[in-house]
Amino acid sequence: MQDCFFWKTIVHYFLHLIFPVFIALIFYRKTWFRTYLILLATMLVDLDHLFADPVFDPSRNSIGFHFLHSYYAIAVYILMLLFRGNIRIIAIGLLLHMLTDFQDFNFWCH
């Protein structure tokens, strides 16, 4: 069980911190560093956790619980992909964040 939590943590932070580098380098080569910083900034979406009690609950699925992780918000993030420039980069970051939180809860030990 302890091994499961170790790998869950590794994958979680890889998807939040390292994978965006690859996205930035592959799709936004000329402005990869600025793009990476924007993708990192989308982690501010987790500020909605501050409105929950308790703030962190490892047995709680963020998707569908927190307002910026709601299905309505995710629909908005998908629509944001239709725009160009920074809006699309923000949408990619937010959707990657939602995917990370989804896999974190659904594919690993609790």
Protein backbone atom coordinates (compact mmCIF):
# COMPACT_ATOMS: atom_id res chain seq x y z
CA MET A 1 0.00 0.00 0.00
CA GLN A 2 2.83 2.39 0.83
CA ASP A 3 4.33 1.70 -2.61
CA CYS A 4 1.01 2.68 -4.19
CA PHE A 5 1.02 6.08 -2.47
CA PHE A 6 4.63 6.64 -3.53
CA TRP A 7 3.85 6.07 -7.23
CA LYS A 8 0.59 8.00 -7.01
CA THR A 9 2.54 11.01 -5.70
CA ILE A 10 5.25 10.64 -8.36
CA VAL A 11 2.71 10.49 -11.21
CA HIS A 12 0.67 13.36 -9.74
CA TYR A 13 3.61 15.76 -9.57
CA PHE A 14 5.03 14.57 -12.89
CA LEU A 15 1.73 15.48 -14.58
CA HIS A 16 1.57 18.84 -12.77
CA LEU A 17 5.20 19.94 -13.11
CA ILE A 18 7.12 17.97 -15.77
CA PHE A 19 4.55 16.98 -18.42
CA PRO A 20 3.68 20.66 -19.12
CA VAL A 21 7.31 21.18 -20.17
CA PHE A 22 6.80 18.61 -22.93
CA ILE A 23 3.55 20.26 -24.03
CA ALA A 24 5.26 23.63 -24.16
CA LEU A 25 8.30 22.33 -26.05
CA ILE A 26 6.30 20.33 -28.58
CA PHE A 27 3.47 22.77 -29.36
CA TYR A 28 4.93 26.18 -28.42
CA ARG A 29 8.63 25.78 -29.16
CA LYS A 30 9.38 29.50 -29.73
CA THR A 31 7.70 30.60 -26.50
CA TRP A 32 8.05 27.38 -24.53
CA PHE A 33 9.18 28.95 -21.23
CA ARG A 34 6.39 31.54 -21.14
CA THR A 35 3.92 28.82 -22.09
CA TYR A 36 5.26 26.59 -19.32
CA LEU A 37 4.80 29.39 -16.78
CA ILE A 38 1.20 29.88 -17.92
CA LEU A 39 0.57 26.14 -17.63
CA LEU A 40 2.03 26.19 -14.11
CA ALA A 41 -0.11 29.20 -13.20
CA THR A 42 -3.24 27.22 -13.98
CA MET A 43 -2.57 25.26 -10.80
CA LEU A 44 -4.07 28.27 -9.04
CA VAL A 45 -7.38 26.58 -9.86
CA ASP A 46 -6.75 24.66 -6.64
CA LEU A 47 -7.55 27.80 -4.64
CA ASP A 48 -11.14 26.56 -4.62
CA HIS A 49 -9.99 23.90 -2.15
CA LEU A 50 -9.77 26.67 0.45
CA PHE A 51 -13.57 26.84 0.51
CA ALA A 52 -13.91 23.17 1.51
CA ASP A 53 -13.95 21.72 5.00
CA PRO A 54 -11.53 20.07 5.42
CA VAL A 55 -9.33 21.87 2.90
CA PHE A 56 -7.62 18.61 1.95
CA ASP A 57 -9.26 15.22 2.13
CA PRO A 58 -7.37 12.41 0.38
CA SER A 59 -10.55 10.36 0.11
CA ARG A 60 -12.45 13.13 -1.72
CA ASN A 61 -12.63 13.42 -5.50
CA SER A 62 -11.90 17.03 -6.51
CA ILE A 63 -13.73 16.61 -9.80
CA GLY A 64 -17.36 17.48 -9.26
CA PHE A 65 -16.79 18.65 -5.68
CA HIS A 66 -14.95 21.99 -5.84
CA PHE A 67 -16.56 24.75 -7.92
CA LEU A 68 -13.56 25.29 -10.21
CA HIS A 69 -13.38 21.50 -10.63
CA SER A 70 -17.09 21.18 -11.42
CA TYR A 71 -18.42 19.66 -14.64
CA TYR A 72 -19.74 23.11 -15.63
CA ALA A 73 -16.28 24.62 -15.18
CA ILE A 74 -14.73 21.77 -17.19
CA ALA A 75 -17.22 22.49 -20.00
CA VAL A 76 -16.05 26.13 -19.99
CA TYR A 77 -12.42 24.98 -20.11
CA ILE A 78 -13.24 22.85 -23.16
CA LEU A 79 -14.92 25.83 -24.86
CA MET A 80 -11.82 27.91 -24.12
CA LEU A 81 -9.90 25.61 -26.49
CA LEU A 82 -11.73 27.31 -29.36
CA PHE A 83 -9.84 30.56 -28.73
CA ARG A 84 -6.31 31.29 -29.80
CA GLY A 85 -3.32 32.46 -27.83
CA ASN A 86 -3.09 32.55 -24.06
CA ILE A 87 -6.74 31.53 -23.58
CA ARG A 88 -6.03 28.21 -25.32
CA ILE A 89 -2.87 27.68 -23.27
CA ILE A 90 -4.83 28.34 -20.07
CA ALA A 91 -7.52 25.90 -21.23
CA ILE A 92 -4.89 23.22 -21.89
CA GLY A 93 -3.42 23.76 -18.43
CA LEU A 94 -6.80 23.63 -16.72
CA LEU A 95 -7.85 20.49 -18.58
CA LEU A 96 -4.51 18.82 -17.85
CA HIS A 97 -5.08 19.70 -14.19
CA MET A 98 -8.56 18.14 -14.26
CA LEU A 99 -7.16 15.02 -15.93
CA THR A 100 -4.44 14.80 -13.29
CA ASP A 101 -6.95 15.10 -10.45
CA PHE A 102 -9.23 12.56 -12.14
CA GLN A 103 -6.53 9.93 -12.53
CA ASP A 104 -5.24 10.68 -9.05
CA PHE A 105 -8.56 9.68 -7.48
CA ASN A 106 -9.78 6.99 -9.86
CA PHE A 107 -6.70 5.03 -10.87
CA TRP A 108 -4.79 4.67 -7.60
CA CYS A 109 -5.16 3.42 -4.05
CA HIS A 110 -7.18 5.43 -1.51
